[in-house]
Amino acid sequence: MDVKLDLYKVFTEVVKCESFSKAAKALYMTQPAVSQSIKQLEKELQIRLFTRTPKGVTLTNDGKLLYEYVNS
């Protein structure tokens, strides 16, 4: 599978779960692997996708646009 496609898959799951940890469980990955995937995607796109809080994550405006695009 294409690496970028995997990154978008991780991104979509984090959005659905609103948590890196919950997304990691759903994807059978470790939380650090999910975090690294999101960091890599953010670096490639040169945008910040999530606002991180102690209670989880929320999408930034750029993240919302990407999520709409990925789901179309």
PDB file of N, CA and C in Angstrom:
ATOM      1  N   MET A   1       0.851  -1.198   0.000  1.00  0.00           N
ATOM      2  CA  MET A   1       0.000   0.000   0.000  1.00  0.00           C
ATOM      3  C   MET A   1       0.886   1.247   0.000  1.00  0.00           C
ATOM      4  N   ASP A   2       0.451   2.257  -0.667  1.00  0.00           N
ATOM      5  CA  ASP A   2       1.182   3.516  -0.754  1.00  0.00           C
ATOM      6  C   ASP A   2       1.305   4.163   0.624  1.00  0.00           C
ATOM      7  N   VAL A   3       2.483   4.692   0.918  1.00  0.00           N
ATOM      8  CA  VAL A   3       2.740   5.295   2.221  1.00  0.00           C
ATOM      9  C   VAL A   3       1.796   6.463   2.484  1.00  0.00           C
ATOM     10  N   LYS A   4       1.593   7.326   1.494  1.00  0.00           N
ATOM     11  CA  LYS A   4       0.716   8.479   1.689  1.00  0.00           C
ATOM     12  C   LYS A   4      -0.720   8.047   1.956  1.00  0.00           C
ATOM     13  N   LEU A   5      -1.152   6.984   1.307  1.00  0.00           N
ATOM     14  CA  LEU A   5      -2.491   6.477   1.538  1.00  0.00           C
ATOM     15  C   LEU A   5      -2.639   6.013   2.989  1.00  0.00           C
ATOM     16  N   ASP A   6      -1.599   5.384   3.511  1.00  0.00           N
ATOM     17  CA  ASP A   6      -1.601   4.977   4.922  1.00  0.00           C
ATOM     18  C   ASP A   6      -1.710   6.183   5.840  1.00  0.00           C
ATOM     19  N   LEU A   7      -1.026   7.263   5.499  1.00  0.00           N
ATOM     20  CA  LEU A   7      -1.070   8.467   6.333  1.00  0.00           C
ATOM     21  C   LEU A   7      -2.482   9.041   6.374  1.00  0.00           C
ATOM     22  N   TYR A   8      -3.153   9.048   5.230  1.00  0.00           N
ATOM     23  CA  TYR A   8      -4.528   9.558   5.187  1.00  0.00           C
ATOM     24  C   TYR A   8      -5.482   8.636   5.944  1.00  0.00           C
ATOM     25  N   LYS A   9      -5.206   7.341   5.911  1.00  0.00           N
ATOM     26  CA  LYS A   9      -6.008   6.382   6.669  1.00  0.00           C
ATOM     27  C   LYS A   9      -5.873   6.662   8.175  1.00  0.00           C
ATOM     28  N   VAL A  10      -4.649   6.887   8.628  1.00  0.00           N
ATOM     29  CA  VAL A  10      -4.408   7.215  10.038  1.00  0.00           C
ATOM     30  C   VAL A  10      -5.093   8.533  10.384  1.00  0.00           C
ATOM     31  N   PHE A  11      -4.946   9.531   9.526  1.00  0.00           N
ATOM     32  CA  PHE A  11      -5.571  10.836   9.742  1.00  0.00           C
ATOM     33  C   PHE A  11      -7.083  10.698   9.920  1.00  0.00           C
ATOM     34  N   THR A  12      -7.715   9.946   9.024  1.00  0.00           N
ATOM     35  CA  THR A  12      -9.168   9.761   9.076  1.00  0.00           C
ATOM     36  C   THR A  12      -9.596   9.079  10.373  1.00  0.00           C
ATOM     37  N   GLU A  13      -8.828   8.099  10.804  1.00  0.00           N
ATOM     38  CA  GLU A  13      -9.180   7.378  12.034  1.00  0.00           C
ATOM     39  C   GLU A  13      -9.017   8.274  13.260  1.00  0.00           C
ATOM     40  N   VAL A  14      -7.990   9.114  13.272  1.00  0.00           N
ATOM     41  CA  VAL A  14      -7.804  10.048  14.385  1.00  0.00           C
ATOM     42  C   VAL A  14      -8.975  11.026  14.452  1.00  0.00           C
ATOM     43  N   VAL A  15      -9.431  11.484  13.298  1.00  0.00           N
ATOM     44  CA  VAL A  15     -10.585  12.387  13.261  1.00  0.00           C
ATOM     45  C   VAL A  15     -11.809  11.698  13.850  1.00  0.00           C
ATOM     46  N   LYS A  16     -12.065  10.473  13.429  1.00  0.00           N
ATOM     47  CA  LYS A  16     -13.236   9.728  13.913  1.00  0.00           C
ATOM     48  C   LYS A  16     -13.174   9.490  15.421  1.00  0.00           C
ATOM     49  N   CYS A  17     -11.987   9.125  15.917  1.00  0.00           N
ATOM     50  CA  CYS A  17     -11.820   8.774  17.335  1.00  0.00           C
ATOM     51  C   CYS A  17     -11.582   9.987  18.224  1.00  0.00           C
ATOM     52  N   GLU A  18     -11.174  11.104  17.614  1.00  0.00           N
ATOM     53  CA  GLU A  18     -10.805  12.325  18.345  1.00  0.00           C
ATOM     54  C   GLU A  18      -9.706  12.071  19.374  1.00  0.00           C
ATOM     55  N   SER A  19      -8.851  11.090  19.088  1.00  0.00           N
ATOM     56  CA  SER A  19      -7.785  10.726  20.013  1.00  0.00           C
ATOM     57  C   SER A  19      -6.742   9.898  19.277  1.00  0.00           C
ATOM     58  N   PHE A  20      -5.458  10.203  19.519  1.00  0.00           N
ATOM     59  CA  PHE A  20      -4.392   9.402  18.926  1.00  0.00           C
ATOM     60  C   PHE A  20      -4.399   8.001  19.519  1.00  0.00           C
ATOM     61  N   SER A  21      -4.614   7.896  20.816  1.00  0.00           N
ATOM     62  CA  SER A  21      -4.590   6.594  21.492  1.00  0.00           C
ATOM     63  C   SER A  21      -5.712   5.686  21.013  1.00  0.00           C
ATOM     64  N   LYS A  22      -6.918   6.228  20.910  1.00  0.00           N
ATOM     65  CA  LYS A  22      -8.053   5.425  20.447  1.00  0.00           C
ATOM     66  C   LYS A  22      -7.869   5.027  18.984  1.00  0.00           C
ATOM     67  N   ALA A  23      -7.339   5.931  18.188  1.00  0.00           N
ATOM     68  CA  ALA A  23      -7.079   5.614  16.782  1.00  0.00           C
ATOM     69  C   ALA A  23      -6.028   4.513  16.673  1.00  0.00           C
ATOM     70  N   ALA A  24      -5.022   4.573  17.521  1.00  0.00           N
ATOM     71  CA  ALA A  24      -3.975   3.554  17.516  1.00  0.00           C
ATOM     72  C   ALA A  24      -4.573   2.175  17.800  1.00  0.00           C
ATOM     73  N   LYS A  25      -5.462   2.099  18.771  1.00  0.00           N
ATOM     74  CA  LYS A  25      -6.106   0.818  19.086  1.00  0.00           C
ATOM     75  C   LYS A  25      -6.925   0.318  17.899  1.00  0.00           C
ATOM     76  N   ALA A  26      -7.688   1.219  17.283  1.00  0.00           N
ATOM     77  CA  ALA A  26      -8.539   0.846  16.155  1.00  0.00           C
ATOM     78  C   ALA A  26      -7.720   0.370  14.954  1.00  0.00           C
ATOM     79  N   LEU A  27      -6.527   0.942  14.789  1.00  0.00           N
ATOM     80  CA  LEU A  27      -5.675   0.604  13.645  1.00  0.00           C
ATOM     81  C   LEU A  27      -4.640  -0.476  13.970  1.00  0.00           C
ATOM     82  N   TYR A  28      -4.658  -0.961  15.213  1.00  0.00           N
ATOM     83  CA  TYR A  28      -3.670  -1.954  15.674  1.00  0.00           C
ATOM     84  C   TYR A  28      -2.248  -1.431  15.513  1.00  0.00           C
ATOM     85  N   MET A  29      -2.078  -0.181  15.940  1.00  0.00           N
ATOM     86  CA  MET A  29      -0.773   0.475  15.905  1.00  0.00           C
ATOM     87  C   MET A  29      -0.463   0.968  17.308  1.00  0.00           C
ATOM     88  N   THR A  30       0.768   1.415  17.508  1.00  0.00           N
ATOM     89  CA  THR A  30       1.107   2.049  18.778  1.00  0.00           C
ATOM     90  C   THR A  30       0.756   3.528  18.689  1.00  0.00           C
ATOM     91  N   GLN A  31       0.538   4.150  19.826  1.00  0.00           N
ATOM     92  CA  GLN A  31       0.222   5.581  19.843  1.00  0.00           C
ATOM     93  C   GLN A  31       1.365   6.414  19.259  1.00  0.00           C
ATOM     94  N   PRO A  32       2.642   6.099  19.595  1.00  0.00           N
ATOM     95  CA  PRO A  32       3.725   6.876  18.973  1.00  0.00           C
ATOM     96  C   PRO A  32       3.764   6.749  17.447  1.00  0.00           C
ATOM     97  N   ALA A  33       3.389   5.583  16.923  1.00  0.00           N
ATOM     98  CA  ALA A  33       3.367   5.411  15.463  1.00  0.00           C
ATOM     99  C   ALA A  33       2.288   6.288  14.833  1.00  0.00           C
ATOM    100  N   VAL A  34       1.145   6.391  15.484  1.00  0.00           N
ATOM    101  CA  VAL A  34       0.074   7.264  14.993  1.00  0.00           C
ATOM    102  C   VAL A  34       0.537   8.718  15.037  1.00  0.00           C
ATOM    103  N   SER A  35       1.138   9.098  16.148  1.00  0.00           N
ATOM    104  CA  SER A  35       1.632  10.468  16.308  1.00  0.00           C
ATOM    105  C   SER A  35       2.662  10.803  15.225  1.00  0.00           C
ATOM    106  N   GLN A  36       3.577   9.878  14.956  1.00  0.00           N
ATOM    107  CA  GLN A  36       4.588  10.098  13.924  1.00  0.00           C
ATOM    108  C   GLN A  36       3.960  10.208  12.540  1.00  0.00           C
ATOM    109  N   SER A  37       2.944   9.400  12.282  1.00  0.00           N
ATOM    110  CA  SER A  37       2.255   9.454  10.994  1.00  0.00           C
ATOM    111  C   SER A  37       1.614  10.814  10.777  1.00  0.00           C
ATOM    112  N   ILE A  38       0.967  11.332  11.813  1.00  0.00           N
ATOM    113  CA  ILE A  38       0.329  12.651  11.709  1.00  0.00           C
ATOM    114  C   ILE A  38       1.378  13.737  11.536  1.00  0.00           C
ATOM    115  N   LYS A  39       2.477  13.635  12.272  1.00  0.00           N
ATOM    116  CA  LYS A  39       3.558  14.621  12.123  1.00  0.00           C
ATOM    117  C   LYS A  39       4.120  14.601  10.709  1.00  0.00           C
ATOM    118  N   GLN A  40       4.279  13.393  10.159  1.00  0.00           N
ATOM    119  CA  GLN A  40       4.794  13.271   8.796  1.00  0.00           C
ATOM    120  C   GLN A  40       3.833  13.889   7.784  1.00  0.00           C
ATOM    121  N   LEU A  41       2.545  13.624   7.954  1.00  0.00           N
ATOM    122  CA  LEU A  41       1.545  14.192   7.047  1.00  0.00           C
ATOM    123  C   LEU A  41       1.532  15.715   7.161  1.00  0.00           C
ATOM    124  N   GLU A  42       1.583  16.229   8.381  1.00  0.00           N
ATOM    125  CA  GLU A  42       1.613  17.682   8.586  1.00  0.00           C
ATOM    126  C   GLU A  42       2.853  18.293   7.936  1.00  0.00           C
ATOM    127  N   LYS A  43       3.982  17.603   8.037  1.00  0.00           N
ATOM    128  CA  LYS A  43       5.224  18.112   7.445  1.00  0.00           C
ATOM    129  C   LYS A  43       5.132  18.134   5.923  1.00  0.00           C
ATOM    130  N   GLU A  44       4.596  17.049   5.340  1.00  0.00           N
ATOM    131  CA  GLU A  44       4.476  16.983   3.878  1.00  0.00           C
ATOM    132  C   GLU A  44       3.519  18.034   3.337  1.00  0.00           C
ATOM    133  N   LEU A  45       2.425  18.259   4.049  1.00  0.00           N
ATOM    134  CA  LEU A  45       1.422  19.226   3.600  1.00  0.00           C
ATOM    135  C   LEU A  45       1.737  20.658   4.047  1.00  0.00           C
ATOM    136  N   GLN A  46       2.669  20.777   4.980  1.00  0.00           N
ATOM    137  CA  GLN A  46       3.080  22.068   5.551  1.00  0.00           C
ATOM    138  C   GLN A  46       1.915  22.817   6.192  1.00  0.00           C
ATOM    139  N   ILE A  47       1.059  22.059   6.885  1.00  0.00           N
ATOM    140  CA  ILE A  47      -0.052  22.650   7.639  1.00  0.00           C
ATOM    141  C   ILE A  47      -0.214  21.888   8.950  1.00  0.00           C
ATOM    142  N   ARG A  48      -0.846  22.530   9.903  1.00  0.00           N
ATOM    143  CA  ARG A  48      -1.161  21.866  11.170  1.00  0.00           C
ATOM    144  C   ARG A  48      -2.593  21.333  11.052  1.00  0.00           C
ATOM    145  N   LEU A  49      -2.766  20.045  11.315  1.00  0.00           N
ATOM    146  CA  LEU A  49      -4.065  19.410  11.128  1.00  0.00           C
ATOM    147  C   LEU A  49      -4.900  19.356  12.397  1.00  0.00           C
ATOM    148  N   PHE A  50      -4.241  19.234  13.544  1.00  0.00           N
ATOM    149  CA  PHE A  50      -4.952  19.066  14.806  1.00  0.00           C
ATOM    150  C   PHE A  50      -4.490  20.051  15.860  1.00  0.00           C
ATOM    151  N   THR A  51      -5.423  20.405  16.736  1.00  0.00           N
ATOM    152  CA  THR A  51      -5.087  21.115  17.977  1.00  0.00           C
ATOM    153  C   THR A  51      -5.087  20.048  19.050  1.00  0.00           C
ATOM    154  N   ARG A  52      -3.957  19.890  19.698  1.00  0.00           N
ATOM    155  CA  ARG A  52      -3.827  18.846  20.709  1.00  0.00           C
ATOM    156  C   ARG A  52      -4.180  19.398  22.085  1.00  0.00           C
ATOM    157  N   THR A  53      -5.010  18.662  22.816  1.00  0.00           N
ATOM    158  CA  THR A  53      -5.398  19.037  24.177  1.00  0.00           C
ATOM    159  C   THR A  53      -5.256  17.798  25.059  1.00  0.00           C
ATOM    160  N   PRO A  54      -5.260  17.969  26.381  1.00  0.00           N
ATOM    161  CA  PRO A  54      -5.182  16.803  27.263  1.00  0.00           C
ATOM    162  C   PRO A  54      -6.354  15.831  27.085  1.00  0.00           C
ATOM    163  N   LYS A  55      -7.483  16.328  26.592  1.00  0.00           N
ATOM    164  CA  LYS A  55      -8.666  15.474  26.416  1.00  0.00           C
ATOM    165  C   LYS A  55      -8.743  14.830  25.032  1.00  0.00           C
ATOM    166  N   GLY A  56      -7.805  15.124  24.154  1.00  0.00           N
ATOM    167  CA  GLY A  56      -7.824  14.557  22.814  1.00  0.00           C
ATOM    168  C   GLY A  56      -7.393  15.572  21.782  1.00  0.00           C
ATOM    169  N   VAL A  57      -7.914  15.434  20.589  1.00  0.00           N
ATOM    170  CA  VAL A  57      -7.544  16.347  19.502  1.00  0.00           C
ATOM    171  C   VAL A  57      -8.793  16.870  18.800  1.00  0.00           C
ATOM    172  N   THR A  58      -8.662  18.067  18.262  1.00  0.00           N
ATOM    173  CA  THR A  58      -9.718  18.640  17.433  1.00  0.00           C
ATOM    174  C   THR A  58      -9.075  19.129  16.138  1.00  0.00           C
ATOM    175  N   LEU A  59      -9.845  19.160  15.090  1.00  0.00           N
ATOM    176  CA  LEU A  59      -9.331  19.597  13.795  1.00  0.00           C
ATOM    177  C   LEU A  59      -9.132  21.103  13.745  1.00  0.00           C
ATOM    178  N   THR A  60      -8.067  21.510  13.077  1.00  0.00           N
ATOM    179  CA  THR A  60      -7.885  22.922  12.750  1.00  0.00           C
ATOM    180  C   THR A  60      -8.738  23.192  11.508  1.00  0.00           C
ATOM    181  N   ASN A  61      -8.805  24.435  11.091  1.00  0.00           N
ATOM    182  CA  ASN A  61      -9.554  24.755   9.862  1.00  0.00           C
ATOM    183  C   ASN A  61      -8.962  24.023   8.657  1.00  0.00           C
ATOM    184  N   ASP A  62      -7.623  23.984   8.581  1.00  0.00           N
ATOM    185  CA  ASP A  62      -6.968  23.251   7.495  1.00  0.00           C
ATOM    186  C   ASP A  62      -7.286  21.766   7.587  1.00  0.00           C
ATOM    187  N   GLY A  63      -7.313  21.242   8.809  1.00  0.00           N
ATOM    188  CA  GLY A  63      -7.644  19.840   9.023  1.00  0.00           C
ATOM    189  C   GLY A  63      -9.055  19.518   8.574  1.00  0.00           C
ATOM    190  N   LYS A  64      -9.985  20.430   8.831  1.00  0.00           N
ATOM    191  CA  LYS A  64     -11.382  20.233   8.408  1.00  0.00           C
ATOM    192  C   LYS A  64     -11.480  20.176   6.891  1.00  0.00           C
ATOM    193  N   LEU A  65     -10.754  21.068   6.222  1.00  0.00           N
ATOM    194  CA  LEU A  65     -10.759  21.076   4.752  1.00  0.00           C
ATOM    195  C   LEU A  65     -10.190  19.778   4.195  1.00  0.00           C
ATOM    196  N   LEU A  66      -9.094  19.311   4.783  1.00  0.00           N
ATOM    197  CA  LEU A  66      -8.492  18.060   4.329  1.00  0.00           C
ATOM    198  C   LEU A  66      -9.428  16.890   4.574  1.00  0.00           C
ATOM    199  N   TYR A  67     -10.092  16.863   5.715  1.00  0.00           N
ATOM    200  CA  TYR A  67     -11.014  15.761   6.034  1.00  0.00           C
ATOM    201  C   TYR A  67     -12.168  15.724   5.032  1.00  0.00           C
ATOM    202  N   GLU A  68     -12.711  16.895   4.694  1.00  0.00           N
ATOM    203  CA  GLU A  68     -13.792  16.951   3.706  1.00  0.00           C
ATOM    204  C   GLU A  68     -13.297  16.437   2.350  1.00  0.00           C
ATOM    205  N   TYR A  69     -12.080  16.816   1.987  1.00  0.00           N
ATOM    206  CA  TYR A  69     -11.520  16.388   0.707  1.00  0.00           C
ATOM    207  C   TYR A  69     -11.284  14.870   0.683  1.00  0.00           C
ATOM    208  N   VAL A  70     -10.709  14.348   1.762  1.00  0.00           N
ATOM    209  CA  VAL A  70     -10.381  12.915   1.838  1.00  0.00           C
ATOM    210  C   VAL A  70     -11.656  12.075   1.803  1.00  0.00           C
ATOM    211  N   ASN A  71     -12.729  12.569   2.388  1.00  0.00           N
ATOM    212  CA  ASN A  71     -13.987  11.812   2.430  1.00  0.00           C
ATOM    213  C   ASN A  71     -14.850  11.965   1.183  1.00  0.00           C
ATOM    214  N   SER A  72     -14.450  12.849   0.287  1.00  0.00           N
ATOM    215  CA  SER A  72     -15.268  13.039  -0.918  1.00  0.00           C
ATOM    216  C   SER A  72     -14.971  11.983  -1.973  1.00  0.00           C
TER     217      SER A  72
END
